[in-house]
Amino acid sequence: MKLNTLKPAEGSTKACKRIGRGPGSGHGGTSTRGSKGAKSRSGYARKIGFEGGQMPLQRIVPKFGFKNINRVEYKAINLDVIQALADKNSLDKVAKADLIGAGFVSAKQLVKVLACGQLTRKIDVEADAFSKTAAAAIEAAGGTAIKL
């Protein structure tokens, strides 16, 4: 085997398409871009949302509303969920860590206790926020609503 006789395998290489090099090449004239129009010009880049001259969707659909940057997002937990968790794990105090451990909330979420359901025994509840009726229901059952 000699280095000067090495060649690539048959059919593994192709000649590059030489565009715009005269009519004899088969790719001269319009250089495979068709004839006329924006797409045939150099530097063409379609604008985002361009629909061929039709009124684009982002101009048809009206703008409305706003995002309140001061909004505080809470994960809602009802009293019946707290009662079930306390009964299942025999807890007298339900902390945020217990809710995280049970998979009701993630560590980054803020917890707000709502008054759907009722407590049947004294339970101390720790959360980031309470509705007025939930705090009243907890205290009516003999427990305390501890705001973090």
Protein backbone atom coordinates (compact mmCIF):
# COMPACT_ATOMS: atom_id res chain seq x y z
CA MET A 1 0.00 0.00 0.00
CA LYS A 2 1.41 3.39 -1.01
CA LEU A 3 0.28 6.77 0.30
CA ASN A 4 0.12 8.24 -3.20
CA THR A 5 -2.48 5.66 -4.28
CA LEU A 6 -5.00 6.24 -1.43
CA LYS A 7 -8.46 7.40 -2.55
CA PRO A 8 -11.78 7.78 -0.72
CA ALA A 9 -14.36 5.01 -1.13
CA GLU A 10 -16.48 5.10 -4.27
CA GLY A 11 -19.50 7.42 -3.81
CA SER A 12 -18.39 8.75 -0.40
CA THR A 13 -17.46 12.21 -1.66
CA LYS A 14 -19.38 14.67 -3.82
CA ALA A 15 -18.33 17.81 -5.64
CA CYS A 16 -19.72 20.96 -4.00
CA LYS A 17 -22.56 22.80 -5.77
CA ARG A 18 -20.83 25.87 -7.29
CA ILE A 19 -23.65 28.39 -7.50
CA GLY A 20 -23.55 31.43 -9.80
CA ARG A 21 -20.68 30.28 -12.00
CA GLY A 22 -22.30 30.56 -15.43
CA PRO A 23 -24.96 28.71 -17.42
CA GLY A 24 -22.73 25.71 -18.12
CA SER A 25 -22.70 24.76 -14.43
CA GLY A 26 -26.47 24.32 -14.31
CA HIS A 27 -26.58 26.63 -11.28
CA GLY A 28 -25.96 29.97 -12.96
CA GLY A 29 -28.39 32.79 -13.70
CA THR A 30 -30.69 32.99 -10.70
CA SER A 31 -28.37 30.77 -8.63
CA THR A 32 -31.09 28.29 -7.57
CA ARG A 33 -33.14 31.05 -5.90
CA GLY A 34 -35.98 31.21 -8.39
CA SER A 35 -36.76 34.55 -10.02
CA LYS A 36 -37.41 37.90 -8.33
CA GLY A 37 -38.90 38.65 -4.94
CA ALA A 38 -37.45 39.24 -1.49
CA LYS A 39 -36.28 35.64 -1.09
CA SER A 40 -34.03 35.92 -4.13
CA ARG A 41 -32.17 38.96 -2.78
CA SER A 42 -29.03 38.82 -0.65
CA GLY A 43 -29.46 39.56 3.04
CA TYR A 44 -33.05 38.31 3.14
CA ALA A 45 -34.31 37.28 6.56
CA ARG A 46 -38.03 36.83 7.19
CA LYS A 47 -39.34 38.93 10.07
CA ILE A 48 -40.64 37.04 13.11
CA GLY A 49 -44.39 36.61 12.74
CA PHE A 50 -44.45 37.52 9.03
CA GLU A 51 -47.31 35.74 7.30
CA GLY A 52 -46.71 36.64 3.65
CA GLY A 53 -48.42 40.02 3.80
CA GLN A 54 -51.51 38.73 5.61
CA MET A 55 -52.24 40.61 8.85
CA PRO A 56 -50.16 38.69 11.41
CA LEU A 57 -51.81 37.05 14.40
CA GLN A 58 -50.02 39.21 16.98
CA ARG A 59 -51.64 42.29 15.38
CA ILE A 60 -55.11 40.72 15.12
CA VAL A 61 -55.38 39.57 18.75
CA PRO A 62 -56.06 42.53 21.09
CA LYS A 63 -53.87 43.44 24.05
CA PHE A 64 -55.48 43.46 27.47
CA GLY A 65 -54.65 43.06 31.15
CA PHE A 66 -51.38 43.40 33.00
CA LYS A 67 -49.07 41.47 35.34
CA ASN A 68 -49.00 42.79 38.88
CA ILE A 69 -45.33 42.68 39.91
CA ASN A 70 -46.28 42.90 43.60
CA ARG A 71 -48.53 39.80 43.55
CA VAL A 72 -47.77 37.20 46.20
CA GLU A 73 -48.64 33.66 45.08
CA TYR A 74 -49.85 31.26 47.80
CA LYS A 75 -50.51 27.53 47.69
CA ALA A 76 -53.96 26.97 49.20
CA ILE A 77 -54.32 24.25 51.85
CA ASN A 78 -57.74 23.53 53.34
CA LEU A 79 -58.55 22.62 56.93
CA ASP A 80 -59.76 19.14 55.95
CA VAL A 81 -56.32 18.41 54.44
CA ILE A 82 -54.64 19.54 57.69
CA GLN A 83 -57.07 17.41 59.73
CA ALA A 84 -56.36 14.34 57.57
CA LEU A 85 -52.59 14.89 57.81
CA ALA A 86 -52.76 15.33 61.60
CA ASP A 87 -54.87 12.17 61.99
CA LYS A 88 -52.66 10.10 59.70
CA ASN A 89 -49.37 11.09 61.42
CA SER A 90 -50.95 11.72 64.88
CA LEU A 91 -49.70 15.32 65.03
CA ASP A 92 -50.71 18.02 67.51
CA LYS A 93 -48.85 20.70 65.55
CA VAL A 94 -48.84 20.85 61.74
CA ALA A 95 -45.82 22.84 60.55
CA LYS A 96 -44.86 23.86 57.03
CA ALA A 97 -42.21 21.10 57.07
CA ASP A 98 -44.96 18.50 57.59
CA LEU A 99 -46.84 19.79 54.53
CA ILE A 100 -43.61 19.69 52.48
CA GLY A 101 -42.88 16.15 53.69
CA ALA A 102 -46.40 15.00 52.77
CA GLY A 103 -45.94 16.47 49.26
CA PHE A 104 -48.69 19.10 49.46
CA VAL A 105 -46.29 22.01 48.84
CA SER A 106 -42.72 22.50 47.68
CA ALA A 107 -40.08 24.19 49.81
CA LYS A 108 -40.24 27.48 47.89
CA GLN A 109 -44.04 27.86 47.93
CA LEU A 110 -45.89 30.04 50.45
CA VAL A 111 -48.79 28.35 52.24
CA LYS A 112 -52.20 29.89 52.92
CA VAL A 113 -54.72 27.98 55.02
CA LEU A 114 -58.35 28.21 53.87
CA ALA A 115 -61.48 27.26 55.79
CA CYS A 116 -62.89 24.43 53.64
CA GLY A 117 -63.62 21.55 56.01
CA GLN A 118 -63.42 21.57 59.80
CA LEU A 119 -61.11 20.54 62.61
CA THR A 120 -62.37 17.91 65.05
CA ARG A 121 -59.64 18.40 67.66
CA LYS A 122 -57.02 20.87 68.88
CA ILE A 123 -54.28 21.38 66.27
CA ASP A 124 -51.66 24.14 66.14
CA VAL A 125 -51.06 25.18 62.52
CA GLU A 126 -48.02 27.01 61.13
CA ALA A 127 -48.42 28.75 57.75
CA ASP A 128 -47.48 31.91 55.87
CA ALA A 129 -51.08 33.20 55.78
CA PHE A 130 -54.57 32.33 57.02
CA SER A 131 -58.01 33.35 55.87
CA LYS A 132 -60.08 34.98 58.63
CA THR A 133 -62.54 32.08 58.76
CA ALA A 134 -59.72 29.49 58.82
CA ALA A 135 -57.99 31.25 61.74
CA ALA A 136 -61.34 31.47 63.56
CA ALA A 137 -62.06 27.76 62.94
CA ILE A 138 -58.62 26.73 64.24
CA GLU A 139 -59.05 28.80 67.39
CA ALA A 140 -62.62 27.54 67.86
CA ALA A 141 -61.26 23.97 67.93
CA GLY A 142 -58.77 25.04 70.64
CA GLY A 143 -55.67 25.30 68.44
CA THR A 144 -53.54 28.27 67.42
CA ALA A 145 -52.88 29.77 63.99
CA ILE A 146 -49.16 30.62 63.91
CA LYS A 147 -48.23 33.01 61.10
CA LEU A 148 -44.66 32.60 59.84
